[in-house]
Amino acid sequence: MRVLVVEDQRELAKQVAAALREAGYVTDVTGNGEDAWILGGQEPYEAIILDLGLPMLDGLSVLDRWRRSGIRIPVLILSARDTWREKVTGLRAGADDYLVKPFEMAELLARVDALIRRASGHAAPRIAIGELSLDHASRQIHLGSELLRLTAMEYRLLSCLMLGGCRILSKGELAARVYEQGTEGESNSLEVLIMRLRKKVGGGRIVTHRGLGYQLLDRLSHG
């Protein structure tokens, strides 16, 4: 799962990015509006954290450009402007949520989680696909009553498949959500991850559709 942090205060951006990565998100960071506008249109982000007071292009202008061009990625605005008028302006510009600085990192993570769940059609904090259940709050995935022991990349990959709701997800789409920029590694690294996951969740739960991608089933396939 990939998140973009757009924040020109370097220390704050670093703290937010570290918290997101600790929570299992692939995280990109930029400190200006022009780069944010480009990245938001090119990368498959699940959510964007957007500061308003940005150099080169302010946050509201970036948001307006995204929405006018049809980009529907959920956006959480960060701002030091704590008035109802500013919040209304941000929400009417197309933001999905608004968080005032300073804030608790736990609240930011909870809001990002909620944005991503709602965007994928899951209102509840727990997502179930057959016997698999994902708890966003605890960052845990169970198979029945068994807690799965997953690496960070395995967790990201399985979370993406579960949020996909049994849709076929392409290899490129999954790789973009699992790996940090510049760390995709060898061309077969995603296949290796899939193979490791199959051993942990049951080989018949993750199906390969040649030329299309991978699909998580809500029950074991014996075909």
C-alpha atoms as a PDB file:
ATOM      1  CA  MET A   1       0.000   0.000   0.000  1.00  0.00           C
ATOM      2  CA  ARG A   2       1.502   3.289  -1.137  1.00  0.00           C
ATOM      3  CA  VAL A   3       1.091   6.750   0.416  1.00  0.00           C
ATOM      4  CA  LEU A   4       2.435  10.123  -0.723  1.00  0.00           C
ATOM      5  CA  VAL A   5       3.477  12.682   1.914  1.00  0.00           C
ATOM      6  CA  VAL A   6       3.535  16.284   0.646  1.00  0.00           C
ATOM      7  CA  GLU A   7       5.088  18.426   3.380  1.00  0.00           C
ATOM      8  CA  ASP A   8       7.756  21.154   3.145  1.00  0.00           C
ATOM      9  CA  GLN A   9       8.753  20.988   6.821  1.00  0.00           C
ATOM     10  CA  ARG A  10      11.512  18.423   6.480  1.00  0.00           C
ATOM     11  CA  GLU A  11      11.529  17.169  10.043  1.00  0.00           C
ATOM     12  CA  LEU A  12       7.762  16.716  10.124  1.00  0.00           C
ATOM     13  CA  ALA A  13       7.812  15.009   6.725  1.00  0.00           C
ATOM     14  CA  LYS A  14      10.516  12.671   7.989  1.00  0.00           C
ATOM     15  CA  GLN A  15       8.513  11.814  11.125  1.00  0.00           C
ATOM     16  CA  VAL A  16       5.289  11.196   9.201  1.00  0.00           C
ATOM     17  CA  ALA A  17       7.063   9.036   6.622  1.00  0.00           C
ATOM     18  CA  ALA A  18       8.774   6.991   9.343  1.00  0.00           C
ATOM     19  CA  ALA A  19       5.456   6.382  11.121  1.00  0.00           C
ATOM     20  CA  LEU A  20       3.776   5.315   7.884  1.00  0.00           C
ATOM     21  CA  ARG A  21       6.611   2.945   6.995  1.00  0.00           C
ATOM     22  CA  GLU A  22       6.535   1.480  10.501  1.00  0.00           C
ATOM     23  CA  ALA A  23       2.801   0.885   9.968  1.00  0.00           C
ATOM     24  CA  GLY A  24       3.527  -1.034   6.773  1.00  0.00           C
ATOM     25  CA  TYR A  25       3.026   1.583   4.065  1.00  0.00           C
ATOM     26  CA  VAL A  26       5.329   2.230   1.125  1.00  0.00           C
ATOM     27  CA  THR A  27       5.901   5.978   1.433  1.00  0.00           C
ATOM     28  CA  ASP A  28       7.089   8.657  -0.983  1.00  0.00           C
ATOM     29  CA  VAL A  29       7.876  12.199   0.171  1.00  0.00           C
ATOM     30  CA  THR A  30       8.037  15.538  -1.607  1.00  0.00           C
ATOM     31  CA  GLY A  31       8.248  19.082  -0.282  1.00  0.00           C
ATOM     32  CA  ASN A  32       6.781  21.149  -3.113  1.00  0.00           C
ATOM     33  CA  GLY A  33       3.500  21.418  -4.960  1.00  0.00           C
ATOM     34  CA  GLU A  34       4.837  20.967  -8.492  1.00  0.00           C
ATOM     35  CA  ASP A  35       6.375  17.575  -7.728  1.00  0.00           C
ATOM     36  CA  ALA A  36       3.246  16.599  -5.787  1.00  0.00           C
ATOM     37  CA  TRP A  37       1.053  17.399  -8.795  1.00  0.00           C
ATOM     38  CA  ILE A  38       3.206  15.191 -11.025  1.00  0.00           C
ATOM     39  CA  LEU A  39       3.537  12.280  -8.585  1.00  0.00           C
ATOM     40  CA  GLY A  40      -0.177  12.252  -7.799  1.00  0.00           C
ATOM     41  CA  GLY A  41      -0.916  11.807 -11.467  1.00  0.00           C
ATOM     42  CA  GLN A  42       1.672   9.109 -12.111  1.00  0.00           C
ATOM     43  CA  GLU A  43       1.814   6.794  -9.106  1.00  0.00           C
ATOM     44  CA  PRO A  44      -0.940   4.446  -7.806  1.00  0.00           C
ATOM     45  CA  TYR A  45      -1.274   5.868  -4.295  1.00  0.00           C
ATOM     46  CA  GLU A  46      -3.898   4.615  -1.861  1.00  0.00           C
ATOM     47  CA  ALA A  47      -3.830   7.982  -0.050  1.00  0.00           C
ATOM     48  CA  ILE A  48      -2.086  11.354  -0.093  1.00  0.00           C
ATOM     49  CA  ILE A  49      -1.197  13.503   2.929  1.00  0.00           C
ATOM     50  CA  LEU A  50      -1.134  17.090   1.687  1.00  0.00           C
ATOM     51  CA  ASP A  51       0.136  20.216   3.436  1.00  0.00           C
ATOM     52  CA  LEU A  52      -1.471  23.481   2.309  1.00  0.00           C
ATOM     53  CA  GLY A  53       1.468  25.892   2.637  1.00  0.00           C
ATOM     54  CA  LEU A  54       3.762  24.535  -0.075  1.00  0.00           C
ATOM     55  CA  PRO A  55       6.393  26.253  -2.239  1.00  0.00           C
ATOM     56  CA  MET A  56       6.008  26.466  -6.038  1.00  0.00           C
ATOM     57  CA  LEU A  57       2.318  25.480  -5.960  1.00  0.00           C
ATOM     58  CA  ASP A  58       0.100  25.680  -2.876  1.00  0.00           C
ATOM     59  CA  GLY A  59      -1.767  22.646  -1.587  1.00  0.00           C
ATOM     60  CA  LEU A  60      -5.272  23.773  -2.571  1.00  0.00           C
ATOM     61  CA  SER A  61      -4.118  24.425  -6.134  1.00  0.00           C
ATOM     62  CA  VAL A  62      -2.528  20.976  -6.304  1.00  0.00           C
ATOM     63  CA  LEU A  63      -5.728  19.401  -4.994  1.00  0.00           C
ATOM     64  CA  ASP A  64      -7.848  21.349  -7.461  1.00  0.00           C
ATOM     65  CA  ARG A  65      -5.656  20.191 -10.366  1.00  0.00           C
ATOM     66  CA  TRP A  66      -5.917  16.567  -9.265  1.00  0.00           C
ATOM     67  CA  ARG A  67      -9.685  16.662  -8.993  1.00  0.00           C
ATOM     68  CA  ARG A  68     -10.147  18.514 -12.286  1.00  0.00           C
ATOM     69  CA  SER A  69      -8.018  15.899 -14.045  1.00  0.00           C
ATOM     70  CA  GLY A  70     -10.069  13.056 -12.587  1.00  0.00           C
ATOM     71  CA  ILE A  71      -7.631  11.863  -9.915  1.00  0.00           C
ATOM     72  CA  ARG A  72      -9.745  10.459  -7.075  1.00  0.00           C
ATOM     73  CA  ILE A  73      -7.034   9.353  -4.631  1.00  0.00           C
ATOM     74  CA  PRO A  74      -8.175  10.052  -1.037  1.00  0.00           C
ATOM     75  CA  VAL A  75      -6.492  13.196   0.314  1.00  0.00           C
ATOM     76  CA  LEU A  76      -5.880  14.132   3.943  1.00  0.00           C
ATOM     77  CA  ILE A  77      -5.033  17.807   4.348  1.00  0.00           C
ATOM     78  CA  LEU A  78      -2.509  18.878   6.982  1.00  0.00           C
ATOM     79  CA  SER A  79      -2.658  22.520   8.009  1.00  0.00           C
ATOM     80  CA  ALA A  80      -1.788  24.884  10.829  1.00  0.00           C
ATOM     81  CA  ARG A  81      -4.921  26.897   9.938  1.00  0.00           C
ATOM     82  CA  ASP A  82      -7.414  25.929  12.603  1.00  0.00           C
ATOM     83  CA  THR A  83     -10.604  27.708  11.571  1.00  0.00           C
ATOM     84  CA  TRP A  84     -13.844  26.243  10.320  1.00  0.00           C
ATOM     85  CA  ARG A  85     -13.623  28.354   7.163  1.00  0.00           C
ATOM     86  CA  GLU A  86     -10.260  26.839   6.240  1.00  0.00           C
ATOM     87  CA  LYS A  87     -11.601  23.328   6.845  1.00  0.00           C
ATOM     88  CA  VAL A  88     -14.695  23.971   4.735  1.00  0.00           C
ATOM     89  CA  THR A  89     -12.530  25.402   1.938  1.00  0.00           C
ATOM     90  CA  GLY A  90     -10.297  22.333   1.950  1.00  0.00           C
ATOM     91  CA  LEU A  91     -13.171  19.871   1.988  1.00  0.00           C
ATOM     92  CA  ARG A  92     -15.023  21.716  -0.759  1.00  0.00           C
ATOM     93  CA  ALA A  93     -11.847  21.710  -2.851  1.00  0.00           C
ATOM     94  CA  GLY A  94     -11.998  17.919  -2.855  1.00  0.00           C
ATOM     95  CA  ALA A  95     -10.189  16.818   0.314  1.00  0.00           C
ATOM     96  CA  ASP A  96     -11.509  13.757   2.116  1.00  0.00           C
ATOM     97  CA  ASP A  97     -10.295  14.701   5.594  1.00  0.00           C
ATOM     98  CA  TYR A  98      -8.566  17.558   7.421  1.00  0.00           C
ATOM     99  CA  LEU A  99      -6.071  17.366  10.303  1.00  0.00           C
ATOM    100  CA  VAL A 100      -4.757  20.409  12.162  1.00  0.00           C
ATOM    101  CA  LYS A 101      -1.115  20.748  13.225  1.00  0.00           C
ATOM    102  CA  PRO A 102       0.191  19.827  15.700  1.00  0.00           C
ATOM    103  CA  PHE A 103      -1.323  16.353  15.789  1.00  0.00           C
ATOM    104  CA  GLU A 104      -0.737  12.958  17.332  1.00  0.00           C
ATOM    105  CA  MET A 105       0.829  10.485  14.920  1.00  0.00           C
ATOM    106  CA  ALA A 106      -1.602   7.772  16.039  1.00  0.00           C
ATOM    107  CA  GLU A 107      -4.506   9.950  14.917  1.00  0.00           C
ATOM    108  CA  LEU A 108      -2.927  10.579  11.522  1.00  0.00           C
ATOM    109  CA  LEU A 109      -2.407   6.834  11.005  1.00  0.00           C
ATOM    110  CA  ALA A 110      -5.990   6.097  12.037  1.00  0.00           C
ATOM    111  CA  ARG A 111      -7.319   8.691   9.591  1.00  0.00           C
ATOM    112  CA  VAL A 112      -5.175   7.350   6.740  1.00  0.00           C
ATOM    113  CA  ASP A 113      -6.377   3.817   7.484  1.00  0.00           C
ATOM    114  CA  ALA A 114      -9.994   4.986   7.436  1.00  0.00           C
ATOM    115  CA  LEU A 115      -9.545   6.824   4.116  1.00  0.00           C
ATOM    116  CA  ILE A 116      -8.049   3.761   2.457  1.00  0.00           C
ATOM    117  CA  ARG A 117     -10.721   1.422   3.832  1.00  0.00           C
ATOM    118  CA  ARG A 118     -13.554   3.650   2.647  1.00  0.00           C
ATOM    119  CA  ALA A 119     -11.993   4.112  -0.790  1.00  0.00           C
ATOM    120  CA  SER A 120     -11.773   0.331  -1.221  1.00  0.00           C
ATOM    121  CA  GLY A 121     -15.360  -0.170  -0.051  1.00  0.00           C
ATOM    122  CA  HIS A 122     -14.573  -1.399   3.474  1.00  0.00           C
ATOM    123  CA  ALA A 123     -16.042   0.755   6.230  1.00  0.00           C
ATOM    124  CA  ALA A 124     -15.167  -1.562   9.122  1.00  0.00           C
ATOM    125  CA  PRO A 125     -11.606  -1.707  10.527  1.00  0.00           C
ATOM    126  CA  ARG A 126     -11.538  -5.479   9.989  1.00  0.00           C
ATOM    127  CA  ILE A 127     -11.579  -6.891   6.462  1.00  0.00           C
ATOM    128  CA  ALA A 128     -12.412 -10.545   5.857  1.00  0.00           C
ATOM    129  CA  ILE A 129     -11.826 -12.526   2.669  1.00  0.00           C
ATOM    130  CA  GLY A 130     -12.901 -16.077   3.374  1.00  0.00           C
ATOM    131  CA  GLU A 131     -10.855 -17.354   6.312  1.00  0.00           C
ATOM    132  CA  LEU A 132      -8.387 -14.475   6.057  1.00  0.00           C
ATOM    133  CA  SER A 133      -9.008 -11.420   8.246  1.00  0.00           C
ATOM    134  CA  LEU A 134      -7.043  -8.165   8.238  1.00  0.00           C
ATOM    135  CA  ASP A 135      -7.116  -5.878  11.292  1.00  0.00           C
ATOM    136  CA  HIS A 136      -5.895  -2.411  10.329  1.00  0.00           C
ATOM    137  CA  ALA A 137      -5.548  -1.244  13.928  1.00  0.00           C
ATOM    138  CA  SER A 138      -3.204  -4.046  15.013  1.00  0.00           C
ATOM    139  CA  ARG A 139      -1.548  -4.553  11.581  1.00  0.00           C
ATOM    140  CA  GLN A 140      -2.251  -8.262  11.864  1.00  0.00           C
ATOM    141  CA  ILE A 141      -3.657 -10.840   9.470  1.00  0.00           C
ATOM    142  CA  HIS A 142      -5.202 -14.081  10.690  1.00  0.00           C
ATOM    143  CA  LEU A 143      -5.988 -17.274   8.826  1.00  0.00           C
ATOM    144  CA  GLY A 144      -8.883 -18.600  10.840  1.00  0.00           C
ATOM    145  CA  SER A 145      -7.653 -18.337  14.433  1.00  0.00           C
ATOM    146  CA  GLU A 146      -3.962 -18.470  13.448  1.00  0.00           C
ATOM    147  CA  LEU A 147      -1.918 -15.264  13.440  1.00  0.00           C
ATOM    148  CA  LEU A 148       0.180 -15.196  10.287  1.00  0.00           C
ATOM    149  CA  ARG A 149       3.854 -14.366  10.764  1.00  0.00           C
ATOM    150  CA  LEU A 150       4.573 -12.079   7.823  1.00  0.00           C
ATOM    151  CA  THR A 151       7.492  -9.921   6.760  1.00  0.00           C
ATOM    152  CA  ALA A 152       6.783  -6.253   6.010  1.00  0.00           C
ATOM    153  CA  MET A 153       6.608  -6.886   2.255  1.00  0.00           C
ATOM    154  CA  GLU A 154       4.461 -10.001   2.696  1.00  0.00           C
ATOM    155  CA  TYR A 155       2.059  -7.980   4.842  1.00  0.00           C
ATOM    156  CA  ARG A 156       1.868  -5.189   2.252  1.00  0.00           C
ATOM    157  CA  LEU A 157       1.279  -7.636  -0.582  1.00  0.00           C
ATOM    158  CA  LEU A 158      -1.404  -9.639   1.214  1.00  0.00           C
ATOM    159  CA  SER A 159      -3.085  -6.427   2.413  1.00  0.00           C
ATOM    160  CA  CYS A 160      -3.230  -5.173  -1.188  1.00  0.00           C
ATOM    161  CA  LEU A 161      -4.753  -8.438  -2.366  1.00  0.00           C
ATOM    162  CA  MET A 162      -7.345  -8.334   0.414  1.00  0.00           C
ATOM    163  CA  LEU A 163      -8.227  -4.689  -0.184  1.00  0.00           C
ATOM    164  CA  GLY A 164      -8.665  -5.612  -3.830  1.00  0.00           C
ATOM    165  CA  GLY A 165     -11.680  -7.663  -2.802  1.00  0.00           C
ATOM    166  CA  CYS A 166     -10.998 -10.693  -5.016  1.00  0.00           C
ATOM    167  CA  ARG A 167     -10.243  -8.520  -8.071  1.00  0.00           C
ATOM    168  CA  ILE A 168      -7.410  -9.501 -10.404  1.00  0.00           C
ATOM    169  CA  LEU A 169      -4.499  -7.149  -9.688  1.00  0.00           C
ATOM    170  CA  SER A 170      -1.716  -6.758 -12.228  1.00  0.00           C
ATOM    171  CA  LYS A 171       1.910  -7.474 -11.415  1.00  0.00           C
ATOM    172  CA  GLY A 172       2.808  -3.816 -11.997  1.00  0.00           C
ATOM    173  CA  GLU A 173       0.001  -2.589  -9.752  1.00  0.00           C
ATOM    174  CA  LEU A 174       1.079  -4.865  -6.920  1.00  0.00           C
ATOM    175  CA  ALA A 175       4.798  -4.098  -7.300  1.00  0.00           C
ATOM    176  CA  ALA A 176       4.096  -0.356  -7.135  1.00  0.00           C
ATOM    177  CA  ARG A 177       2.311  -0.848  -3.818  1.00  0.00           C
ATOM    178  CA  VAL A 178       4.812  -3.256  -2.246  1.00  0.00           C
ATOM    179  CA  TYR A 179       8.259  -1.828  -3.040  1.00  0.00           C
ATOM    180  CA  GLU A 180       9.840   1.504  -2.186  1.00  0.00           C
ATOM    181  CA  GLN A 181      10.916   3.606  -5.168  1.00  0.00           C
ATOM    182  CA  GLY A 182      14.146   2.277  -6.617  1.00  0.00           C
ATOM    183  CA  THR A 183      14.031  -0.983  -4.629  1.00  0.00           C
ATOM    184  CA  GLU A 184      11.953  -3.190  -6.944  1.00  0.00           C
ATOM    185  CA  GLY A 185      14.876  -5.587  -7.259  1.00  0.00           C
ATOM    186  CA  GLU A 186      14.924  -8.439  -9.739  1.00  0.00           C
ATOM    187  CA  SER A 187      12.076  -8.959 -12.169  1.00  0.00           C
ATOM    188  CA  ASN A 188      10.985 -12.164 -10.435  1.00  0.00           C
ATOM    189  CA  SER A 189      10.966 -10.727  -6.881  1.00  0.00           C
ATOM    190  CA  LEU A 190       7.174 -10.377  -6.830  1.00  0.00           C
ATOM    191  CA  GLU A 191       6.790 -14.004  -7.911  1.00  0.00           C
ATOM    192  CA  VAL A 192       9.058 -15.010  -5.027  1.00  0.00           C
ATOM    193  CA  LEU A 193       6.870 -13.032  -2.611  1.00  0.00           C
ATOM    194  CA  ILE A 194       3.738 -14.666  -4.006  1.00  0.00           C
ATOM    195  CA  MET A 195       5.326 -18.087  -3.591  1.00  0.00           C
ATOM    196  CA  ARG A 196       6.176 -17.342   0.049  1.00  0.00           C
ATOM    197  CA  LEU A 197       2.655 -16.114   0.732  1.00  0.00           C
ATOM    198  CA  ARG A 198       1.124 -19.218  -0.827  1.00  0.00           C
ATOM    199  CA  LYS A 199       3.048 -21.359   1.638  1.00  0.00           C
ATOM    200  CA  LYS A 200       1.556 -19.364   4.530  1.00  0.00           C
ATOM    201  CA  VAL A 201      -2.060 -18.971   3.386  1.00  0.00           C
ATOM    202  CA  GLY A 202      -2.493 -22.090   1.229  1.00  0.00           C
ATOM    203  CA  GLY A 203      -1.457 -22.341  -2.394  1.00  0.00           C
ATOM    204  CA  GLY A 204      -4.998 -22.381  -3.723  1.00  0.00           C
ATOM    205  CA  ARG A 205      -5.937 -18.991  -2.275  1.00  0.00           C
ATOM    206  CA  ILE A 206      -3.785 -16.909  -4.635  1.00  0.00           C
ATOM    207  CA  VAL A 207      -4.432 -17.627  -8.288  1.00  0.00           C
ATOM    208  CA  THR A 208      -2.206 -16.575 -11.195  1.00  0.00           C
ATOM    209  CA  HIS A 209      -3.983 -15.303 -14.307  1.00  0.00           C
ATOM    210  CA  ARG A 210      -1.317 -15.378 -17.007  1.00  0.00           C
ATOM    211  CA  GLY A 211      -0.868 -12.021 -18.671  1.00  0.00           C
ATOM    212  CA  LEU A 212      -3.292 -10.372 -16.233  1.00  0.00           C
ATOM    213  CA  GLY A 213      -2.010 -10.736 -12.665  1.00  0.00           C
ATOM    214  CA  TYR A 214      -2.993 -12.308  -9.370  1.00  0.00           C
ATOM    215  CA  GLN A 215      -6.276 -12.853  -7.581  1.00  0.00           C
ATOM    216  CA  LEU A 216      -7.023 -13.685  -3.947  1.00  0.00           C
ATOM    217  CA  LEU A 217      -9.938 -16.118  -3.623  1.00  0.00           C
ATOM    218  CA  ASP A 218     -12.353 -16.275  -0.702  1.00  0.00           C
ATOM    219  CA  ARG A 219     -11.898 -20.033  -0.573  1.00  0.00           C
ATOM    220  CA  LEU A 220      -9.241 -22.560  -1.512  1.00  0.00           C
ATOM    221  CA  SER A 221      -9.081 -23.463  -5.182  1.00  0.00           C
ATOM    222  CA  HIS A 222      -8.318 -27.039  -6.052  1.00  0.00           C
ATOM    223  CA  GLY A 223      -8.208 -26.425  -9.800  1.00  0.00           C
END
